[in-house]
Protein backbone atom coordinates (compact mmCIF):
# COMPACT_ATOMS: atom_id res chain seq x y z
CA MET A 1 5.46 -13.88 -1.84
CA LYS A 2 7.32 -10.65 -1.13
CA ASN A 3 9.00 -9.26 2.01
CA ILE A 4 7.62 -5.76 2.54
CA VAL A 5 8.62 -3.16 5.14
CA ILE A 6 6.20 -0.29 5.82
CA THR A 7 6.85 2.67 8.11
CA GLY A 8 3.78 4.36 9.52
CA GLY A 9 2.04 1.03 9.03
CA THR A 10 -0.54 1.20 11.84
CA SER A 11 -2.78 3.94 10.42
CA GLY A 12 -3.99 5.53 7.20
CA ILE A 13 -2.36 4.55 3.92
CA GLY A 14 0.34 2.54 5.67
CA LEU A 15 -2.18 0.33 7.46
CA ALA A 16 -4.32 -0.13 4.35
CA LEU A 17 -1.21 -1.21 2.44
CA ALA A 18 -0.09 -3.57 5.20
CA ARG A 19 -3.50 -5.25 5.22
CA ALA A 20 -3.66 -5.57 1.44
CA CYS A 21 -0.18 -7.09 1.17
CA ARG A 22 -0.81 -9.44 4.08
CA ASP A 23 -4.15 -10.60 2.70
CA ARG A 24 -2.66 -11.52 -0.66
CA GLY A 25 0.08 -13.62 0.97
CA ASP A 26 3.09 -11.33 1.41
CA ASN A 27 5.29 -11.15 4.51
CA VAL A 28 4.75 -7.72 6.06
CA LEU A 29 6.81 -5.88 8.67
CA ILE A 30 5.39 -2.61 9.96
CA VAL A 31 7.23 0.04 11.95
CA ALA A 32 5.31 2.56 14.07
CA PRO A 33 5.52 4.16 17.52
CA ASP A 34 2.40 2.77 19.25
CA PRO A 35 2.77 -0.80 20.59
CA ALA A 36 -0.98 -1.07 21.18
CA LYS A 37 -1.76 -0.41 17.51
CA GLY A 38 0.93 -2.87 16.50
CA ALA A 39 -0.56 -5.51 18.79
CA ARG A 40 -3.98 -4.96 17.25
CA PHE A 41 -2.56 -5.52 13.77
CA ILE A 42 -0.86 -8.73 14.91
CA GLU A 43 -4.04 -9.95 16.60
CA GLU A 44 -6.11 -9.14 13.53
CA SER A 45 -3.62 -11.05 11.38
CA GLU A 46 -3.70 -14.07 13.66
CA LYS A 47 -7.48 -14.24 13.28
CA LYS A 48 -6.91 -14.37 9.53
CA GLU A 49 -4.37 -17.17 10.07
CA ALA A 50 -1.63 -14.85 8.80
CA GLY A 51 0.14 -14.32 12.12
CA LYS A 52 3.34 -16.04 10.99
CA ARG A 53 3.69 -13.61 8.07
CA VAL A 54 3.39 -10.31 9.92
CA PHE A 55 5.85 -8.51 12.17
CA PHE A 56 5.82 -5.28 14.17
CA ILE A 57 8.67 -3.11 15.40
CA ALA A 58 7.76 -0.35 17.85
CA ALA A 59 10.04 2.62 17.20
CA ASP A 60 10.15 6.41 17.33
CA LEU A 61 11.57 7.09 13.88
CA SER A 62 12.29 10.72 14.73
CA LEU A 63 15.34 9.37 16.58
CA VAL A 64 18.43 8.35 14.62
CA SER A 65 19.23 5.69 17.21
CA GLU A 66 15.81 4.12 16.72
CA ASN A 67 16.29 3.99 12.95
CA GLU A 68 19.60 2.24 13.51
CA ARG A 69 17.88 -0.29 15.78
CA VAL A 70 15.13 -0.84 13.23
CA LEU A 71 17.71 -1.55 10.54
CA ARG A 72 19.29 -4.22 12.75
CA GLU A 73 15.95 -5.82 13.59
CA VAL A 74 14.71 -5.79 10.00
CA GLY A 75 17.92 -7.58 9.02
CA GLU A 76 17.22 -10.26 11.63
CA ILE A 77 13.67 -10.83 10.35
CA PHE A 78 14.06 -10.45 6.57
CA PRO A 79 17.24 -11.61 4.81
CA THR A 80 15.87 -9.92 1.69
CA VAL A 81 13.52 -6.94 1.26
CA ASP A 82 11.42 -6.60 -1.89
CA ALA A 83 9.87 -3.24 -1.00
CA LEU A 84 10.42 -0.49 1.54
CA VAL A 85 7.43 1.85 1.75
CA LEU A 86 8.03 5.08 3.66
CA CYS A 87 4.78 6.55 5.02
CA ALA A 88 5.68 7.86 8.49
CA ARG A 89 5.02 11.58 8.90
CA PHE A 90 3.69 13.80 11.69
CA PHE A 91 2.80 17.48 11.31
CA ARG A 92 3.71 19.92 14.08
CA SER A 93 2.40 23.46 14.27
CA TYR A 94 4.97 24.27 16.92
CA ARG A 95 8.67 23.57 16.65
CA ARG A 96 9.86 20.60 18.67
CA VAL A 97 13.40 19.27 19.07
CA THR A 98 14.03 15.55 19.58
CA ALA A 99 16.14 14.15 22.41
CA GLU A 100 19.00 13.93 19.90
CA GLY A 101 18.75 17.63 19.02
CA PHE A 102 17.04 17.52 15.61
CA GLU A 103 13.90 19.41 14.64
CA HIS A 104 11.11 16.83 14.74
CA GLN A 105 9.59 17.14 11.24
CA PHE A 106 13.06 17.25 9.68
CA ALA A 107 14.05 14.15 11.65
CA LEU A 108 10.93 12.07 11.00
CA TYR A 109 9.98 13.15 7.48
CA TYR A 110 13.49 13.35 6.04
CA LEU A 111 16.30 11.91 8.20
CA SER A 112 14.44 8.66 8.90
CA ARG A 113 13.77 8.13 5.19
CA PHE A 114 17.42 8.88 4.43
CA LEU A 115 18.64 6.37 7.01
CA LEU A 116 16.24 3.55 6.16
CA SER A 117 16.49 3.78 2.38
CA HIS A 118 20.30 3.85 2.45
CA GLY A 119 20.48 1.32 5.28
CA LEU A 120 18.42 -1.38 3.56
CA VAL A 121 20.33 -1.35 0.28
CA GLY A 122 21.98 -4.70 1.11
CA PRO A 123 18.84 -6.80 1.69
CA MET A 124 17.03 -5.03 -1.16
CA GLN A 125 19.83 -5.79 -3.59
CA LYS A 126 19.66 -9.46 -2.56
CA ALA A 127 15.98 -9.52 -3.51
CA GLY A 128 16.79 -8.76 -7.14
CA THR A 129 14.37 -6.20 -8.54
CA SER A 130 13.05 -4.22 -5.57
CA ALA A 131 11.67 -0.77 -4.81
CA VAL A 132 11.84 2.02 -2.27
CA VAL A 133 8.50 3.84 -2.34
CA ASN A 134 8.76 7.26 -0.70
CA VAL A 135 5.18 8.43 -0.12
CA ALA A 136 5.33 12.21 -0.29
CA GLY A 137 4.40 14.97 -2.76
CA PRO A 138 7.07 15.00 -5.47
CA GLY A 139 7.66 18.01 -7.67
CA ILE A 140 5.11 20.39 -6.15
CA SER A 141 5.72 24.13 -6.44
CA ALA A 142 5.17 24.86 -2.74
CA GLY A 143 8.16 24.95 -0.43
CA ARG A 144 11.88 25.42 -0.70
CA VAL A 145 15.05 24.20 0.99
CA HIS A 146 16.33 26.61 3.66
CA TRP A 147 19.96 25.85 2.98
CA ASP A 148 21.28 28.08 5.76
CA ASP A 149 18.74 26.77 8.30
CA VAL A 150 17.42 23.35 7.29
CA GLU A 151 16.00 22.74 10.78
CA LEU A 152 14.11 26.05 10.74
CA THR A 153 15.47 27.48 13.96
CA ARG A 154 14.37 30.94 12.83
CA GLY A 155 10.70 31.66 12.17
CA TYR A 156 9.44 28.07 12.27
CA ASP A 157 6.15 27.39 10.52
CA GLY A 158 4.56 23.95 10.41
CA TRP A 159 3.48 24.15 6.78
CA GLU A 160 6.87 25.46 5.72
CA ALA A 161 8.53 22.57 7.57
CA MET A 162 6.28 20.05 5.83
CA PHE A 163 6.73 21.53 2.35
CA GLN A 164 10.48 21.71 2.85
CA GLY A 165 10.35 18.05 3.87
CA GLY A 166 8.82 17.27 0.50
CA LYS A 167 11.67 19.06 -1.28
CA LEU A 168 14.24 17.26 0.84
CA ASN A 169 12.71 13.92 -0.11
CA ASP A 170 12.77 14.82 -3.80
CA LEU A 171 16.49 15.49 -3.50
CA LEU A 172 16.98 12.37 -1.39
CA GLY A 173 15.57 10.33 -4.27
CA VAL A 174 17.96 11.96 -6.74
CA ALA A 175 21.05 11.37 -4.58
CA TRP A 176 19.97 7.84 -3.64
CA ALA A 177 19.43 6.82 -7.26
CA ALA A 178 22.81 8.26 -8.23
CA ALA A 179 24.48 6.17 -5.53
CA HIS A 180 22.53 2.90 -5.81
CA GLY A 181 20.58 2.93 -9.05
CA ASP A 182 22.79 0.30 -10.65
CA ARG A 183 21.94 -2.33 -8.00
CA GLY A 184 18.53 -3.37 -9.32
CA ILE A 185 16.68 -1.25 -6.74
CA ARG A 186 14.24 1.41 -7.94
CA TYR A 187 13.54 4.58 -5.98
CA VAL A 188 10.01 5.88 -6.48
CA LEU A 189 8.71 9.19 -5.16
CA GLN A 190 4.94 8.85 -5.14
CA PHE A 191 1.90 10.91 -4.18
CA PRO A 192 -1.01 8.45 -3.90
CA GLY A 193 -3.73 11.12 -4.11
CA GLY A 194 -5.83 13.09 -1.65
CA THR A 195 -6.95 10.61 1.00
CA ARG A 196 -9.73 10.93 3.54
CA THR A 197 -7.54 9.67 6.39
CA GLY A 198 -6.12 13.17 6.66
CA LEU A 199 -2.86 14.35 8.19
CA ALA A 200 -1.55 13.09 11.54
CA GLY A 201 -0.18 15.78 13.80
CA GLU A 202 -0.47 18.28 16.61
CA PHE A 203 -2.14 21.42 15.30
CA ASP A 204 -2.84 24.96 16.37
CA PRO A 205 -6.53 25.94 15.96
CA GLU A 206 -6.07 27.54 12.54
CA THR A 207 -4.19 24.55 11.14
CA ALA A 208 -6.69 22.12 12.66
CA ALA A 209 -9.46 23.89 10.74
CA GLN A 210 -7.42 23.72 7.52
CA VAL A 211 -6.83 20.02 7.98
CA GLU A 212 -10.53 19.39 8.47
CA GLU A 213 -11.26 21.20 5.21
CA MET A 214 -8.61 19.11 3.48
CA LYS A 215 -10.30 15.94 4.71
CA LYS A 216 -13.64 17.12 3.34
CA GLY A 217 -12.07 17.75 -0.05
CA ALA A 218 -10.28 14.40 -0.24
CA THR A 219 -11.97 12.02 -2.64
CA LYS A 220 -10.22 8.70 -2.00
CA SER A 221 -10.23 6.13 0.76
CA ALA A 222 -6.95 4.69 1.97
CA GLU A 223 -7.83 1.44 0.19
CA GLU A 224 -8.18 3.33 -3.09
CA SER A 225 -5.00 5.34 -2.54
CA ILE A 226 -2.81 2.27 -2.16
CA ILE A 227 -3.66 0.89 -5.62
CA PRO A 228 -0.85 2.78 -7.42
CA ILE A 229 1.59 1.92 -4.61
CA VAL A 230 0.83 -1.79 -4.95
CA ALA A 231 1.37 -1.45 -8.70
CA VAL A 232 4.87 -0.10 -8.08
CA ILE A 233 5.67 -2.88 -5.60
CA ASP A 234 4.59 -5.50 -8.11
CA GLY A 235 6.24 -3.89 -11.13
CA PRO A 236 8.96 -1.37 -10.25
CA PRO A 237 9.73 1.13 -13.05
CA ALA A 238 12.71 0.54 -15.31
CA GLU A 239 14.52 3.75 -14.34
CA PRO A 240 16.56 4.12 -11.12
CA LEU A 241 14.42 7.12 -10.08
CA THR A 242 10.77 7.79 -10.86
CA ALA A 243 8.33 10.42 -9.60
CA LEU A 244 4.63 9.61 -9.76
CA TRP A 245 1.49 11.59 -9.05
CA GLU A 246 -0.81 8.66 -8.31
CA ASP A 247 0.06 6.58 -11.40
CA ARG A 248 1.15 9.44 -13.69
CA PHE A 249 4.82 10.08 -14.36
CA ILE A 250 6.34 13.45 -13.44
CA GLY A 251 9.32 14.83 -15.33
CA LEU A 252 12.58 14.97 -13.40
CA ASP A 253 14.03 18.00 -15.17
CA GLY A 254 12.61 20.60 -12.76
CA TRP A 255 14.43 22.38 -9.94
CA SER A 256 12.95 19.98 -7.39
CA PHE A 257 15.24 17.27 -8.78
CA ASP A 258 18.44 19.24 -9.33
CA PRO A 259 21.46 16.87 -9.06
CA ALA A 260 23.77 19.55 -7.67
CA ALA A 261 21.27 20.39 -4.94
CA ALA A 262 20.84 16.69 -4.19
CA THR A 263 24.60 16.29 -3.75
CA ARG A 264 24.69 19.36 -1.51
CA LEU A 265 21.88 18.02 0.68
CA HIS A 266 23.53 14.61 0.95
CA ARG A 267 26.74 16.20 2.22
CA ILE A 268 24.86 18.38 4.71
CA THR A 269 22.99 15.31 5.98
CA GLU A 270 26.14 13.26 6.41
CA ASP A 271 27.74 16.15 8.31
CA LEU A 272 24.73 16.48 10.65
CA LEU A 273 24.75 12.76 11.35
CA ALA A 274 28.50 12.72 11.90
CA ARG A 275 28.22 15.55 14.43
CA ARG A 276 25.58 13.58 16.32
């Protein structure tokens, strides 16, 4: 029986994973913004006589303060964490700034994953061999880091924000593994495959049409897409950092995984958080 934390766990891949882990006997804690969806998952679990093994934390993970609260509450529920699976993401065609002053996609897709993966090192180390699974798109050619404007205050584009988020998460994995890779915790950047659940977000008409075409081209259900994620949870790789495309290993020698860039991003992130 494992203790598993899943962000974005009330829909899509996150929900499919939460159900699969619950149904096989794991303890599952999901984090998502909608209390009604969380209540439905709890009610569903109680009908399966698994209510004592599931937990829900309602939180807006685009807010640093909410991530800090989640870390405290996870610590109260799980003394050890065997797997942290990061699925929360929300596309925005138009630039939005959170109440704390961060661009929304940057805050949710990157800052939250930074805070949670670093913040749960203690309980994950106590579990022995454990894994952070960052569900993203590692190593893709699209996107770049806008080093002089990481929150895209100039010429914001939703796709550019999302692709940059992928690059930021690649570098997050590199810096995280350099800092914590000797603690028995494995950091895995994983793309589970094109999934018919689509992309959550608020879209302009052109992007909405693109997303619908993406859904038509997706070949896998959420239940199929979680198979390689479950495999990582059950048998984390030997290396501190791994990048996977479904279940295929990706080399870490490309520019997406540059150690100097990872160190630079880590310092920028710490400075942004300190200024908050």
